[in-house]
N, C-alpha and C. Protein backbone atom coordinates (compact mmCIF):
# COMPACT_ATOMS: atom_id res chain seq x y z
N MET A 1 4.99 61.88 -0.87
CA MET A 1 4.56 62.26 1.02
C MET A 1 5.73 62.95 1.48
N ASP A 2 6.79 62.51 1.35
CA ASP A 2 8.13 63.07 2.22
C ASP A 2 8.03 64.63 1.69
N TRP A 3 8.04 64.77 0.44
CA TRP A 3 8.14 66.23 -0.07
C TRP A 3 7.02 67.07 0.42
N ALA A 4 5.90 66.59 0.41
CA ALA A 4 4.71 67.38 0.86
C ALA A 4 4.75 67.63 2.28
N LEU A 5 5.07 66.60 3.05
CA LEU A 5 5.34 66.73 4.62
C LEU A 5 6.28 67.90 4.75
N THR A 6 7.36 68.08 4.08
CA THR A 6 8.53 68.98 4.28
C THR A 6 8.02 70.53 3.93
N ILE A 7 7.42 70.42 2.88
CA ILE A 7 7.00 71.92 2.37
C ILE A 7 5.90 72.16 3.49
N ALA A 8 4.95 71.45 3.71
CA ALA A 8 3.77 71.81 4.67
C ALA A 8 4.48 72.16 6.13
N LEU A 9 5.38 71.36 6.59
CA LEU A 9 5.61 71.91 8.17
C LEU A 9 7.05 72.33 7.95
N ARG A 10 7.45 72.94 6.99
CA ARG A 10 8.87 73.47 7.04
C ARG A 10 9.11 74.75 7.81
N ASP A 11 9.94 74.88 8.58
CA ASP A 11 10.43 76.21 9.46
C ASP A 11 11.02 77.18 8.34
N ARG A 12 10.33 78.23 8.04
CA ARG A 12 10.93 79.08 7.03
C ARG A 12 11.99 79.94 7.60
N SER A 13 12.35 80.06 8.91
CA SER A 13 13.36 80.96 9.30
C SER A 13 14.66 79.94 9.17
N TRP A 14 14.70 78.82 9.22
CA TRP A 14 15.79 77.92 9.06
C TRP A 14 16.86 78.01 10.07
N ILE A 15 16.37 78.68 11.28
CA ILE A 15 17.18 78.90 12.43
C ILE A 15 17.56 77.67 13.03
N GLY A 16 16.69 76.48 13.23
CA GLY A 16 17.02 75.14 13.80
C GLY A 16 17.00 73.98 12.74
N PRO A 17 16.95 72.84 13.32
CA PRO A 17 16.69 71.90 12.46
C PRO A 17 15.54 71.75 11.88
N GLN A 18 15.26 71.07 10.56
CA GLN A 18 13.84 71.05 10.05
C GLN A 18 13.39 69.55 10.50
N TRP A 19 12.62 69.81 11.55
CA TRP A 19 12.16 68.41 11.97
C TRP A 19 11.08 67.52 11.29
N ALA A 20 10.43 68.26 10.39
CA ALA A 20 9.38 67.64 9.57
C ALA A 20 10.15 67.05 8.36
N ALA A 21 11.23 67.61 7.95
CA ALA A 21 11.93 67.09 6.91
C ALA A 21 12.92 65.95 7.58
N PHE A 22 13.39 66.05 8.62
CA PHE A 22 14.13 65.12 9.15
C PHE A 22 13.24 63.86 9.42
N GLY A 23 12.06 63.87 9.97
CA GLY A 23 11.23 62.88 9.84
C GLY A 23 10.79 62.02 8.60
N GLY A 24 10.51 63.01 7.59
CA GLY A 24 10.23 62.36 6.57
C GLY A 24 11.21 61.68 5.68
N ASP A 25 12.68 62.40 5.58
CA ASP A 25 13.70 61.77 5.07
C ASP A 25 14.00 60.48 6.00
N LEU A 26 13.91 60.33 7.25
CA LEU A 26 14.24 59.16 7.92
C LEU A 26 13.20 58.10 7.49
N GLY A 27 11.92 58.44 7.43
CA GLY A 27 10.92 57.34 6.87
C GLY A 27 11.27 57.02 5.52
N LEU A 28 11.51 57.77 4.69
CA LEU A 28 11.77 57.53 3.23
C LEU A 28 13.09 56.49 3.26
N LEU A 29 14.07 56.93 3.99
CA LEU A 29 15.40 56.31 4.02
C LEU A 29 15.04 54.78 4.49
N ILE A 30 14.01 54.31 5.36
CA ILE A 30 13.62 53.12 5.74
C ILE A 30 13.00 52.39 4.53
N VAL A 31 11.99 53.02 3.99
CA VAL A 31 11.45 52.46 2.76
C VAL A 31 12.41 52.02 1.70
N VAL A 32 13.37 53.20 1.21
CA VAL A 32 14.35 52.97 0.15
C VAL A 32 15.24 51.79 0.48
N THR A 33 15.46 51.68 1.74
CA THR A 33 16.54 50.66 2.12
C THR A 33 16.04 49.41 1.83
N ALA A 34 14.58 49.28 2.36
CA ALA A 34 13.95 48.01 2.54
C ALA A 34 13.76 47.46 0.97
N ILE A 35 13.39 48.40 0.26
CA ILE A 35 13.23 48.13 -1.23
C ILE A 35 14.66 47.67 -1.73
N SER A 36 15.60 48.33 -1.32
CA SER A 36 17.08 47.97 -2.21
C SER A 36 17.34 46.63 -1.56
N MET A 37 17.18 46.24 -0.49
CA MET A 37 17.46 44.96 0.10
C MET A 37 16.77 44.04 -0.55
N ARG A 38 15.51 44.09 -1.10
CA ARG A 38 14.77 43.05 -1.68
C ARG A 38 14.77 42.83 -3.08
N THR A 39 15.44 43.74 -3.90
CA THR A 39 15.52 43.86 -5.48
C THR A 39 16.98 43.42 -5.83
N ARG A 40 17.06 42.88 -7.12
CA ARG A 40 18.19 42.75 -7.67
C ARG A 40 18.89 44.15 -8.50
N ARG A 41 18.21 45.01 -8.64
CA ARG A 41 18.65 46.06 -9.21
C ARG A 41 19.36 46.93 -8.40
N TYR A 42 20.48 47.73 -9.04
CA TYR A 42 21.24 48.32 -8.40
C TYR A 42 20.84 50.01 -7.86
N TRP A 43 19.76 50.39 -8.63
CA TRP A 43 19.31 51.85 -8.49
C TRP A 43 18.88 52.03 -7.16
N PRO A 44 17.94 51.28 -6.51
CA PRO A 44 17.49 51.57 -5.25
C PRO A 44 18.57 51.86 -4.13
N LEU A 45 19.56 50.96 -4.29
CA LEU A 45 20.56 51.08 -3.27
C LEU A 45 21.47 52.51 -3.50
N VAL A 46 21.53 52.99 -4.79
CA VAL A 46 22.14 54.23 -4.85
C VAL A 46 21.19 55.43 -4.31
N ALA A 47 19.82 55.06 -4.45
CA ALA A 47 18.87 56.21 -3.88
C ALA A 47 19.03 56.12 -2.60
N ALA A 48 19.08 54.76 -1.97
CA ALA A 48 19.07 54.62 -0.54
C ALA A 48 20.40 55.51 0.26
N ALA A 49 21.55 55.37 -0.68
CA ALA A 49 22.71 56.16 -0.16
C ALA A 49 22.42 57.73 -0.25
N PHE A 50 21.86 58.18 -1.31
CA PHE A 50 21.71 59.50 -1.27
C PHE A 50 20.70 59.97 -0.16
N GLU A 51 19.61 59.23 0.12
CA GLU A 51 18.86 59.45 1.15
C GLU A 51 19.55 59.47 2.54
N LEU A 52 20.50 58.50 2.67
CA LEU A 52 21.22 58.36 3.81
C LEU A 52 22.12 59.60 4.15
N LEU A 53 22.50 60.27 3.12
CA LEU A 53 23.29 61.52 3.20
C LEU A 53 22.45 62.61 3.69
N CYS A 54 21.01 62.65 2.86
CA CYS A 54 20.06 63.79 3.46
C CYS A 54 19.90 63.47 5.11
N VAL A 55 19.82 62.34 5.66
CA VAL A 55 19.63 62.26 6.96
C VAL A 55 21.03 62.46 7.89
N THR A 56 21.77 62.08 7.08
CA THR A 56 23.36 62.57 7.88
C THR A 56 23.43 64.16 8.03
N VAL A 57 23.07 64.91 6.99
CA VAL A 57 23.04 66.30 7.03
C VAL A 57 22.06 66.81 8.28
N HIS A 58 21.01 66.02 8.29
CA HIS A 58 20.08 66.46 9.57
C HIS A 58 20.71 66.13 10.94
N VAL A 59 21.28 65.13 10.98
CA VAL A 59 22.14 64.66 12.09
C VAL A 59 23.17 65.56 12.50
N ALA A 60 23.85 66.06 11.36
CA ALA A 60 24.86 66.97 11.57
C ALA A 60 24.52 68.16 12.05
N ARG A 61 23.32 68.73 11.66
CA ARG A 61 22.83 69.69 12.26
C ARG A 61 22.26 69.89 13.63
N LEU A 62 21.84 68.73 14.04
CA LEU A 62 21.51 68.42 15.35
C LEU A 62 22.74 68.37 16.25
N ILE A 63 23.79 67.67 15.97
CA ILE A 63 24.80 67.48 16.66
C ILE A 63 25.59 69.06 16.71
N ASP A 64 25.85 69.73 15.56
CA ASP A 64 26.56 70.86 15.68
C ASP A 64 25.70 72.20 15.18
N PRO A 65 25.05 72.90 16.05
CA PRO A 65 24.37 73.99 15.76
C PRO A 65 25.13 75.12 14.91
N GLY A 66 26.42 74.90 14.56
CA GLY A 66 27.24 76.12 14.02
C GLY A 66 27.05 75.43 12.44
N VAL A 67 26.51 74.62 12.16
CA VAL A 67 26.19 74.30 10.71
C VAL A 67 25.41 75.45 10.21
N HIS A 68 25.87 76.21 9.20
CA HIS A 68 24.95 77.48 8.83
C HIS A 68 23.83 76.97 8.13
N ALA A 69 22.78 77.65 8.11
CA ALA A 69 21.41 77.36 7.39
C ALA A 69 21.75 77.24 5.87
N TRP A 70 22.60 78.08 5.25
CA TRP A 70 22.90 78.00 4.10
C TRP A 70 23.51 76.69 3.66
N ALA A 71 24.48 75.99 4.22
CA ALA A 71 25.23 74.88 3.94
C ALA A 71 23.84 73.66 4.11
N TYR A 72 23.15 73.95 5.28
CA TYR A 72 22.28 72.88 5.47
C TYR A 72 21.02 72.83 4.54
N ALA A 73 20.71 73.80 4.08
CA ALA A 73 19.56 73.83 3.01
C ALA A 73 20.36 73.40 1.52
N THR A 74 21.50 73.85 1.16
CA THR A 74 22.09 73.52 0.04
C THR A 74 22.23 71.89 -0.11
N ALA A 75 22.74 71.41 0.95
CA ALA A 75 23.03 70.06 1.13
C ALA A 75 21.78 69.26 0.95
N GLN A 76 20.76 69.73 1.64
CA GLN A 76 19.49 68.85 1.50
C GLN A 76 18.96 69.08 -0.12
N VAL A 77 19.17 70.19 -0.71
CA VAL A 77 18.74 70.31 -2.05
C VAL A 77 19.45 69.34 -3.05
N ILE A 78 20.73 69.56 -2.92
CA ILE A 78 21.70 68.63 -3.74
C ILE A 78 21.31 67.11 -3.57
N PHE A 79 21.28 66.81 -2.43
CA PHE A 79 21.13 65.18 -2.08
C PHE A 79 19.91 64.80 -2.58
N THR A 80 18.75 65.70 -2.32
CA THR A 80 17.46 65.61 -2.91
C THR A 80 17.19 65.31 -4.29
N GLN A 81 17.85 66.42 -5.02
CA GLN A 81 17.90 66.08 -6.57
C GLN A 81 18.76 64.88 -6.97
N LEU A 82 19.88 64.65 -6.36
CA LEU A 82 20.48 63.24 -6.79
C LEU A 82 19.60 62.22 -6.54
N PHE A 83 18.91 62.25 -5.49
CA PHE A 83 17.92 61.15 -5.08
C PHE A 83 16.96 61.06 -6.16
N VAL A 84 16.47 62.07 -6.51
CA VAL A 84 15.32 62.10 -7.67
C VAL A 84 15.92 61.73 -9.12
N LEU A 85 16.99 62.18 -9.39
CA LEU A 85 17.82 61.67 -10.64
C LEU A 85 18.17 60.22 -10.73
N THR A 86 18.41 59.77 -9.27
CA THR A 86 18.93 58.26 -9.42
C THR A 86 17.43 57.39 -9.67
N ILE A 87 16.36 57.85 -9.18
CA ILE A 87 15.06 57.19 -9.34
C ILE A 87 14.82 57.42 -10.94
N GLY A 88 14.86 58.55 -11.38
CA GLY A 88 14.56 58.74 -12.76
C GLY A 88 15.34 57.89 -13.65
N VAL A 89 16.72 57.83 -13.54
CA VAL A 89 17.50 57.00 -14.17
C VAL A 89 17.07 55.41 -14.05
N GLY A 90 16.84 55.09 -12.88
CA GLY A 90 16.34 53.86 -12.69
C GLY A 90 15.14 53.25 -13.41
N VAL A 91 14.16 54.14 -13.36
CA VAL A 91 12.74 53.98 -13.97
C VAL A 91 13.02 53.98 -15.44
N TRP A 92 13.76 54.79 -15.91
CA TRP A 92 13.99 54.88 -17.38
C TRP A 92 14.67 53.63 -17.72
N ASN A 93 15.72 52.99 -17.17
CA ASN A 93 16.41 51.79 -17.38
C ASN A 93 15.47 50.56 -17.55
N LEU A 94 14.66 50.64 -16.27
CA LEU A 94 13.74 49.50 -16.44
C LEU A 94 12.61 49.73 -17.49
N TRP A 95 11.97 50.75 -17.72
CA TRP A 95 11.39 50.86 -19.07
C TRP A 95 11.88 50.34 -20.32
N ARG A 96 13.24 50.97 -20.48
CA ARG A 96 14.09 50.55 -21.59
C ARG A 96 14.09 48.98 -21.78
N ASP A 97 14.54 48.29 -20.54
CA ASP A 97 14.71 46.84 -20.42
C ASP A 97 13.40 46.30 -20.91
N GLU A 98 12.31 46.44 -20.32
CA GLU A 98 10.95 46.13 -20.56
C GLU A 98 10.44 46.17 -22.08
N ARG A 99 10.80 47.31 -22.43
CA ARG A 99 10.53 47.49 -24.07
C ARG A 99 11.32 46.65 -25.05
N GLN A 100 12.68 46.60 -24.36
CA GLN A 100 13.51 45.65 -25.35
C GLN A 100 13.03 44.33 -25.15
N LEU A 101 12.54 43.77 -23.99
CA LEU A 101 12.18 42.33 -23.86
C LEU A 101 10.95 42.20 -24.63
N ALA A 102 9.89 43.22 -24.65
CA ALA A 102 8.71 43.11 -25.33
C ALA A 102 8.93 43.01 -26.89
N ILE A 103 9.88 43.76 -27.61
CA ILE A 103 10.24 43.67 -28.79
C ILE A 103 10.89 42.35 -29.33
N THR A 104 11.64 41.75 -28.33
CA THR A 104 12.18 40.58 -28.43
C THR A 104 11.14 39.49 -28.52
N ASP A 105 10.53 39.53 -27.52
CA ASP A 105 9.21 38.50 -27.50
C ASP A 105 8.23 38.54 -28.65
N ASP A 106 8.15 39.51 -29.08
CA ASP A 106 7.02 39.65 -30.47
C ASP A 106 7.65 39.42 -31.83
N ASP A 107 9.05 39.28 -31.74
CA ASP A 107 9.49 38.91 -32.94
C ASP A 107 9.81 37.39 -33.16
N PRO A 108 9.07 36.89 -34.12
CA PRO A 108 9.27 35.29 -34.15
C PRO A 108 10.55 34.75 -34.62
N ALA A 109 11.53 35.67 -35.12
CA ALA A 109 12.82 34.98 -35.48
C ALA A 109 13.85 35.16 -34.23
N ALA A 110 13.35 35.84 -33.25
CA ALA A 110 14.16 35.74 -32.04
C ALA A 110 14.16 34.48 -31.48
N ASP A 111 13.27 33.50 -31.44
CA ASP A 111 13.08 32.24 -31.00
C ASP A 111 14.36 31.37 -31.53
N THR A 112 14.79 31.40 -32.57
CA THR A 112 15.85 30.88 -33.00
C THR A 112 17.25 31.37 -32.55
N ARG A 113 17.15 32.63 -32.15
CA ARG A 113 18.57 32.98 -31.41
C ARG A 113 18.96 33.00 -30.26
N ARG A 114 17.78 32.28 -29.62
CA ARG A 114 17.97 32.14 -28.00
C ARG A 114 18.76 31.07 -27.70
C-alpha cells in the first residue's frame, strides 16, 4: 500500500518533499513499530528502524530545503531496499524455523531426544 501510494502520487520533479511518500512511510512506521512491540522476533524491530530512517529523511527535507533531490531520493531508495531485505530475511528465517520444527515433529525418534 505504501509503495503504491508513493508511485501513484509521486512528484516527478523532486523539487519539494514527497508528501505522498512521507504519509505512506509514516503510516508504515506506525504499523511496523506496533508489530515489533508485540512480537518476540528481532527483525520487525530492525525493519522499524529502517522505516524510521526513511521518515527522518523526509523530515530533514522539510526542515532544510537545501537537501538536494539526488540525496533525498538516494536515501529513500537505500533505506527502502534495506527495509525490504530485512523483511525478506525475517520471513525466510521464520519459514526455516517452521520447517525445522515440522521435520522434528514428524520424526518419531525425536521424542526420545527431548
